Amino acid sequence: MDEQKPSGENMDFTRSIADLLVTDIFKRHGIRPDREIPDEQKEQMKRMVEVLQQQVNEFIEKEKEANNKTT
């Protein structure tokens, strides 16, 4: 399958979305870190969100293709 590599602008957007999602999740669950989260852990969480985003996009595309074939 052809994987799209995000361009610089898309990468910045993806990182911003990941930052927002992680911050939102922390707030919703009342997590207030007593210390700064290490950059390595932040990057790992961002990669997980990016992988999930890619999986969702692939699922949506498959659903669109399936709907196009049936109509």
PDB file of N, CA and C in Angstrom:
ATOM      1  N   MET A   1       0.844  -1.174   0.000  1.00  0.00           N
ATOM      2  CA  MET A   1       0.000   0.000   0.000  1.00  0.00           C
ATOM      3  C   MET A   1       0.886   1.234   0.000  1.00  0.00           C
ATOM      4  N   ASP A   2       0.474   2.251  -0.669  1.00  0.00           N
ATOM      5  CA  ASP A   2       1.247   3.478  -0.793  1.00  0.00           C
ATOM      6  C   ASP A   2       1.042   4.350   0.440  1.00  0.00           C
ATOM      7  N   GLU A   3       2.114   4.523   1.231  1.00  0.00           N
ATOM      8  CA  GLU A   3       2.020   5.359   2.422  1.00  0.00           C
ATOM      9  C   GLU A   3       2.408   6.781   2.074  1.00  0.00           C
ATOM     10  N   GLN A   4       1.599   7.724   2.543  1.00  0.00           N
ATOM     11  CA  GLN A   4       1.914   9.121   2.314  1.00  0.00           C
ATOM     12  C   GLN A   4       2.824   9.621   3.420  1.00  0.00           C
ATOM     13  N   LYS A   5       3.888  10.271   3.029  1.00  0.00           N
ATOM     14  CA  LYS A   5       4.765  10.911   3.990  1.00  0.00           C
ATOM     15  C   LYS A   5       4.305  12.351   4.132  1.00  0.00           C
ATOM     16  N   PRO A   6       4.086  12.804   5.363  1.00  0.00           N
ATOM     17  CA  PRO A   6       3.610  14.161   5.527  1.00  0.00           C
ATOM     18  C   PRO A   6       4.662  15.183   5.112  1.00  0.00           C
ATOM     19  N   SER A   7       4.203  16.227   4.440  1.00  0.00           N
ATOM     20  CA  SER A   7       5.105  17.306   4.075  1.00  0.00           C
ATOM     21  C   SER A   7       5.384  18.137   5.320  1.00  0.00           C
ATOM     22  N   GLY A   8       6.280  19.115   5.217  1.00  0.00           N
ATOM     23  CA  GLY A   8       6.631  19.951   6.358  1.00  0.00           C
ATOM     24  C   GLY A   8       5.423  20.635   6.965  1.00  0.00           C
ATOM     25  N   GLU A   9       4.582  21.205   6.117  1.00  0.00           N
ATOM     26  CA  GLU A   9       3.391  21.904   6.605  1.00  0.00           C
ATOM     27  C   GLU A   9       2.417  20.922   7.256  1.00  0.00           C
ATOM     28  N   ASN A  10       2.227  19.774   6.621  1.00  0.00           N
ATOM     29  CA  ASN A  10       1.334  18.761   7.192  1.00  0.00           C
ATOM     30  C   ASN A  10       1.894  18.197   8.486  1.00  0.00           C
ATOM     31  N   MET A  11       3.213  18.058   8.555  1.00  0.00           N
ATOM     32  CA  MET A  11       3.849  17.541   9.767  1.00  0.00           C
ATOM     33  C   MET A  11       3.620  18.506  10.925  1.00  0.00           C
ATOM     34  N   ASP A  12       3.755  19.810  10.674  1.00  0.00           N
ATOM     35  CA  ASP A  12       3.502  20.806  11.708  1.00  0.00           C
ATOM     36  C   ASP A  12       2.050  20.739  12.165  1.00  0.00           C
ATOM     37  N   PHE A  13       1.134  20.609  11.219  1.00  0.00           N
ATOM     38  CA  PHE A  13      -0.279  20.508  11.543  1.00  0.00           C
ATOM     39  C   PHE A  13      -0.552  19.261  12.371  1.00  0.00           C
ATOM     40  N   THR A  14       0.042  18.136  11.967  1.00  0.00           N
ATOM     41  CA  THR A  14      -0.144  16.879  12.688  1.00  0.00           C
ATOM     42  C   THR A  14       0.390  16.987  14.102  1.00  0.00           C
ATOM     43  N   ARG A  15       1.548  17.608  14.243  1.00  0.00           N
ATOM     44  CA  ARG A  15       2.120  17.787  15.582  1.00  0.00           C
ATOM     45  C   ARG A  15       1.229  18.677  16.440  1.00  0.00           C
ATOM     46  N   SER A  16       0.679  19.719  15.842  1.00  0.00           N
ATOM     47  CA  SER A  16      -0.206  20.613  16.579  1.00  0.00           C
ATOM     48  C   SER A  16      -1.448  19.864  17.052  1.00  0.00           C
ATOM     49  N   ILE A  17      -2.004  19.056  16.172  1.00  0.00           N
ATOM     50  CA  ILE A  17      -3.174  18.255  16.530  1.00  0.00           C
ATOM     51  C   ILE A  17      -2.813  17.294  17.667  1.00  0.00           C
ATOM     52  N   ALA A  18      -1.671  16.636  17.552  1.00  0.00           N
ATOM     53  CA  ALA A  18      -1.244  15.694  18.583  1.00  0.00           C
ATOM     54  C   ALA A  18      -1.058  16.413  19.915  1.00  0.00           C
ATOM     55  N   ASP A  19      -0.421  17.582  19.895  1.00  0.00           N
ATOM     56  CA  ASP A  19      -0.245  18.366  21.120  1.00  0.00           C
ATOM     57  C   ASP A  19      -1.591  18.703  21.745  1.00  0.00           C
ATOM     58  N   LEU A  20      -2.515  19.139  20.917  1.00  0.00           N
ATOM     59  CA  LEU A  20      -3.842  19.504  21.390  1.00  0.00           C
ATOM     60  C   LEU A  20      -4.562  18.305  21.991  1.00  0.00           C
ATOM     61  N   LEU A  21      -4.498  17.158  21.315  1.00  0.00           N
ATOM     62  CA  LEU A  21      -5.170  15.961  21.815  1.00  0.00           C
ATOM     63  C   LEU A  21      -4.589  15.493  23.149  1.00  0.00           C
ATOM     64  N   VAL A  22      -3.284  15.487  23.250  1.00  0.00           N
ATOM     65  CA  VAL A  22      -2.648  15.048  24.495  1.00  0.00           C
ATOM     66  C   VAL A  22      -3.017  16.000  25.633  1.00  0.00           C
ATOM     67  N   THR A  23      -2.957  17.296  25.386  1.00  0.00           N
ATOM     68  CA  THR A  23      -3.311  18.288  26.399  1.00  0.00           C
ATOM     69  C   THR A  23      -4.768  18.123  26.820  1.00  0.00           C
ATOM     70  N   ASP A  24      -5.645  17.928  25.841  1.00  0.00           N
ATOM     71  CA  ASP A  24      -7.065  17.755  26.131  1.00  0.00           C
ATOM     72  C   ASP A  24      -7.307  16.501  26.972  1.00  0.00           C
ATOM     73  N   ILE A  25      -6.663  15.413  26.620  1.00  0.00           N
ATOM     74  CA  ILE A  25      -6.828  14.169  27.377  1.00  0.00           C
ATOM     75  C   ILE A  25      -6.360  14.357  28.815  1.00  0.00           C
ATOM     76  N   PHE A  26      -5.234  15.011  28.999  1.00  0.00           N
ATOM     77  CA  PHE A  26      -4.736  15.269  30.346  1.00  0.00           C
ATOM     78  C   PHE A  26      -5.744  16.093  31.144  1.00  0.00           C
ATOM     79  N   LYS A  27      -6.273  17.137  30.543  1.00  0.00           N
ATOM     80  CA  LYS A  27      -7.227  17.998  31.246  1.00  0.00           C
ATOM     81  C   LYS A  27      -8.496  17.239  31.609  1.00  0.00           C
ATOM     82  N   ARG A  28      -9.020  16.450  30.670  1.00  0.00           N
ATOM     83  CA  ARG A  28     -10.257  15.707  30.916  1.00  0.00           C
ATOM     84  C   ARG A  28     -10.115  14.708  32.055  1.00  0.00           C
ATOM     85  N   HIS A  29      -8.946  14.163  32.212  1.00  0.00           N
ATOM     86  CA  HIS A  29      -8.723  13.156  33.246  1.00  0.00           C
ATOM     87  C   HIS A  29      -8.070  13.736  34.488  1.00  0.00           C
ATOM     88  N   GLY A  30      -7.969  15.059  34.539  1.00  0.00           N
ATOM     89  CA  GLY A  30      -7.434  15.720  35.725  1.00  0.00           C
ATOM     90  C   GLY A  30      -5.968  15.463  35.972  1.00  0.00           C
ATOM     91  N   ILE A  31      -5.230  15.204  34.911  1.00  0.00           N
ATOM     92  CA  ILE A  31      -3.800  14.929  35.058  1.00  0.00           C
ATOM     93  C   ILE A  31      -3.038  16.252  34.992  1.00  0.00           C
ATOM     94  N   ARG A  32      -2.338  16.504  36.064  1.00  0.00           N
ATOM     95  CA  ARG A  32      -1.488  17.696  36.120  1.00  0.00           C
ATOM     96  C   ARG A  32      -0.097  17.210  36.522  1.00  0.00           C
ATOM     97  N   PRO A  33       0.746  17.007  35.538  1.00  0.00           N
ATOM     98  CA  PRO A  33       2.063  16.453  35.858  1.00  0.00           C
ATOM     99  C   PRO A  33       2.838  17.364  36.814  1.00  0.00           C
ATOM    100  N   ASP A  34       3.412  16.742  37.853  1.00  0.00           N
ATOM    101  CA  ASP A  34       4.234  17.499  38.801  1.00  0.00           C
ATOM    102  C   ASP A  34       5.564  17.882  38.175  1.00  0.00           C
ATOM    103  N   ARG A  35       5.905  17.180  37.162  1.00  0.00           N
ATOM    104  CA  ARG A  35       7.167  17.449  36.471  1.00  0.00           C
ATOM    105  C   ARG A  35       6.883  17.526  34.980  1.00  0.00           C
ATOM    106  N   GLU A  36       7.833  18.048  34.272  1.00  0.00           N
ATOM    107  CA  GLU A  36       7.716  18.133  32.817  1.00  0.00           C
ATOM    108  C   GLU A  36       7.802  16.725  32.237  1.00  0.00           C
ATOM    109  N   ILE A  37       6.938  16.434  31.291  1.00  0.00           N
ATOM    110  CA  ILE A  37       6.980  15.138  30.616  1.00  0.00           C
ATOM    111  C   ILE A  37       8.196  15.139  29.695  1.00  0.00           C
ATOM    112  N   PRO A  38       9.019  14.113  29.779  1.00  0.00           N
ATOM    113  CA  PRO A  38      10.219  14.066  28.934  1.00  0.00           C
ATOM    114  C   PRO A  38       9.859  14.131  27.449  1.00  0.00           C
ATOM    115  N   ASP A  39      10.714  14.797  26.689  1.00  0.00           N
ATOM    116  CA  ASP A  39      10.481  14.943  25.253  1.00  0.00           C
ATOM    117  C   ASP A  39      10.306  13.600  24.565  1.00  0.00           C
ATOM    118  N   GLU A  40      11.040  12.600  25.017  1.00  0.00           N
ATOM    119  CA  GLU A  40      10.941  11.269  24.415  1.00  0.00           C
ATOM    120  C   GLU A  40       9.523  10.712  24.571  1.00  0.00           C
ATOM    121  N   GLN A  41       8.931  10.883  25.742  1.00  0.00           N
ATOM    122  CA  GLN A  41       7.563  10.405  25.961  1.00  0.00           C
ATOM    123  C   GLN A  41       6.557  11.220  25.151  1.00  0.00           C
ATOM    124  N   LYS A  42       6.783  12.517  25.039  1.00  0.00           N
ATOM    125  CA  LYS A  42       5.903  13.356  24.233  1.00  0.00           C
ATOM    126  C   LYS A  42       5.929  12.898  22.776  1.00  0.00           C
ATOM    127  N   GLU A  43       7.111  12.646  22.261  1.00  0.00           N
ATOM    128  CA  GLU A  43       7.249  12.193  20.879  1.00  0.00           C
ATOM    129  C   GLU A  43       6.581  10.840  20.678  1.00  0.00           C
ATOM    130  N   GLN A  44       6.701   9.957  21.664  1.00  0.00           N
ATOM    131  CA  GLN A  44       6.080   8.640  21.563  1.00  0.00           C
ATOM    132  C   GLN A  44       4.560   8.787  21.508  1.00  0.00           C
ATOM    133  N   MET A  45       3.993   9.646  22.341  1.00  0.00           N
ATOM    134  CA  MET A  45       2.548   9.866  22.310  1.00  0.00           C
ATOM    135  C   MET A  45       2.119  10.466  20.980  1.00  0.00           C
ATOM    136  N   LYS A  46       2.900  11.388  20.460  1.00  0.00           N
ATOM    137  CA  LYS A  46       2.576  12.003  19.170  1.00  0.00           C
ATOM    138  C   LYS A  46       2.599  10.967  18.056  1.00  0.00           C
ATOM    139  N   ARG A  47       3.602  10.084  18.077  1.00  0.00           N
ATOM    140  CA  ARG A  47       3.673   9.037  17.048  1.00  0.00           C
ATOM    141  C   ARG A  47       2.463   8.109  17.135  1.00  0.00           C
ATOM    142  N   MET A  48       2.040   7.808  18.353  1.00  0.00           N
ATOM    143  CA  MET A  48       0.877   6.951  18.519  1.00  0.00           C
ATOM    144  C   MET A  48      -0.367   7.618  17.929  1.00  0.00           C
ATOM    145  N   VAL A  49      -0.516   8.905  18.162  1.00  0.00           N
ATOM    146  CA  VAL A  49      -1.660   9.632  17.610  1.00  0.00           C
ATOM    147  C   VAL A  49      -1.570   9.666  16.090  1.00  0.00           C
ATOM    148  N   GLU A  50      -0.380   9.874  15.550  1.00  0.00           N
ATOM    149  CA  GLU A  50      -0.205   9.910  14.097  1.00  0.00           C
ATOM    150  C   GLU A  50      -0.556   8.564  13.468  1.00  0.00           C
ATOM    151  N   VAL A  51      -0.139   7.463  14.107  1.00  0.00           N
ATOM    152  CA  VAL A  51      -0.450   6.129  13.593  1.00  0.00           C
ATOM    153  C   VAL A  51      -1.958   5.906  13.635  1.00  0.00           C
ATOM    154  N   LEU A  52      -2.580   6.298  14.730  1.00  0.00           N
ATOM    155  CA  LEU A  52      -4.028   6.163  14.839  1.00  0.00           C
ATOM    156  C   LEU A  52      -4.728   6.995  13.775  1.00  0.00           C
ATOM    157  N   GLN A  53      -4.239   8.213  13.549  1.00  0.00           N
ATOM    158  CA  GLN A  53      -4.818   9.079  12.527  1.00  0.00           C
ATOM    159  C   GLN A  53      -4.700   8.428  11.154  1.00  0.00           C
ATOM    160  N   GLN A  54      -3.570   7.838  10.856  1.00  0.00           N
ATOM    161  CA  GLN A  54      -3.360   7.176   9.572  1.00  0.00           C
ATOM    162  C   GLN A  54      -4.315   5.988   9.421  1.00  0.00           C
ATOM    163  N   GLN A  55      -4.486   5.222  10.490  1.00  0.00           N
ATOM    164  CA  GLN A  55      -5.395   4.083  10.434  1.00  0.00           C
ATOM    165  C   GLN A  55      -6.828   4.530  10.192  1.00  0.00           C
ATOM    166  N   VAL A  56      -7.236   5.611  10.837  1.00  0.00           N
ATOM    167  CA  VAL A  56      -8.588   6.137  10.638  1.00  0.00           C
ATOM    168  C   VAL A  56      -8.757   6.595   9.196  1.00  0.00           C
ATOM    169  N   ASN A  57      -7.770   7.313   8.672  1.00  0.00           N
ATOM    170  CA  ASN A  57      -7.846   7.782   7.292  1.00  0.00           C
ATOM    171  C   ASN A  57      -7.931   6.611   6.310  1.00  0.00           C
ATOM    172  N   GLU A  58      -7.163   5.558   6.541  1.00  0.00           N
ATOM    173  CA  GLU A  58      -7.207   4.383   5.675  1.00  0.00           C
ATOM    174  C   GLU A  58      -8.580   3.716   5.746  1.00  0.00           C
ATOM    175  N   PHE A  59      -9.134   3.629   6.935  1.00  0.00           N
ATOM    176  CA  PHE A  59     -10.462   3.038   7.096  1.00  0.00           C
ATOM    177  C   PHE A  59     -11.506   3.849   6.338  1.00  0.00           C
ATOM    178  N   ILE A  60     -11.442   5.161   6.459  1.00  0.00           N
ATOM    179  CA  ILE A  60     -12.399   6.027   5.770  1.00  0.00           C
ATOM    180  C   ILE A  60     -12.277   5.854   4.266  1.00  0.00           C
ATOM    181  N   GLU A  61     -11.059   5.782   3.747  1.00  0.00           N
ATOM    182  CA  GLU A  61     -10.857   5.600   2.314  1.00  0.00           C
ATOM    183  C   GLU A  61     -11.421   4.262   1.845  1.00  0.00           C
ATOM    184  N   LYS A  62     -11.208   3.207   2.621  1.00  0.00           N
ATOM    185  CA  LYS A  62     -11.745   1.891   2.260  1.00  0.00           C
ATOM    186  C   LYS A  62     -13.262   1.922   2.238  1.00  0.00           C
ATOM    187  N   GLU A  63     -13.859   2.600   3.203  1.00  0.00           N
ATOM    188  CA  GLU A  63     -15.311   2.715   3.252  1.00  0.00           C
ATOM    189  C   GLU A  63     -15.836   3.490   2.034  1.00  0.00           C
ATOM    190  N   LYS A  64     -15.132   4.551   1.656  1.00  0.00           N
ATOM    191  CA  LYS A  64     -15.533   5.317   0.468  1.00  0.00           C
ATOM    192  C   LYS A  64     -15.456   4.448  -0.784  1.00  0.00           C
ATOM    193  N   GLU A  65     -14.365   3.683  -0.913  1.00  0.00           N
ATOM    194  CA  GLU A  65     -14.208   2.802  -2.076  1.00  0.00           C
ATOM    195  C   GLU A  65     -15.313   1.755  -2.104  1.00  0.00           C
ATOM    196  N   ALA A  66     -15.626   1.188  -0.944  1.00  0.00           N
ATOM    197  CA  ALA A  66     -16.679   0.175  -0.882  1.00  0.00           C
ATOM    198  C   ALA A  66     -18.029   0.779  -1.257  1.00  0.00           C
ATOM    199  N   ASN A  67     -18.289   1.980  -0.806  1.00  0.00           N
ATOM    200  CA  ASN A  67     -19.553   2.648  -1.141  1.00  0.00           C
ATOM    201  C   ASN A  67     -19.617   2.991  -2.614  1.00  0.00           C
ATOM    202  N   ASN A  68     -18.506   3.381  -3.207  1.00  0.00           N
ATOM    203  CA  ASN A  68     -18.470   3.701  -4.627  1.00  0.00           C
ATOM    204  C   ASN A  68     -18.701   2.468  -5.493  1.00  0.00           C
ATOM    205  N   LYS A  69     -18.223   1.316  -5.047  1.00  0.00           N
ATOM    206  CA  LYS A  69     -18.404   0.079  -5.804  1.00  0.00           C
ATOM    207  C   LYS A  69     -19.843  -0.406  -5.751  1.00  0.00           C
ATOM    208  N   THR A  70     -20.540  -0.124  -4.666  1.00  0.00           N
ATOM    209  CA  THR A  70     -21.907  -0.599  -4.525  1.00  0.00           C
ATOM    210  C   THR A  70     -22.928   0.316  -5.169  1.00  0.00           C
ATOM    211  N   THR A  71     -22.537   1.549  -5.486  1.00  0.00           N
ATOM    212  CA  THR A  71     -23.490   2.483  -6.109  1.00  0.00           C
ATOM    213  C   THR A  71     -23.327   2.553  -7.589  1.00  0.00           C
TER     214      THR A  71
END
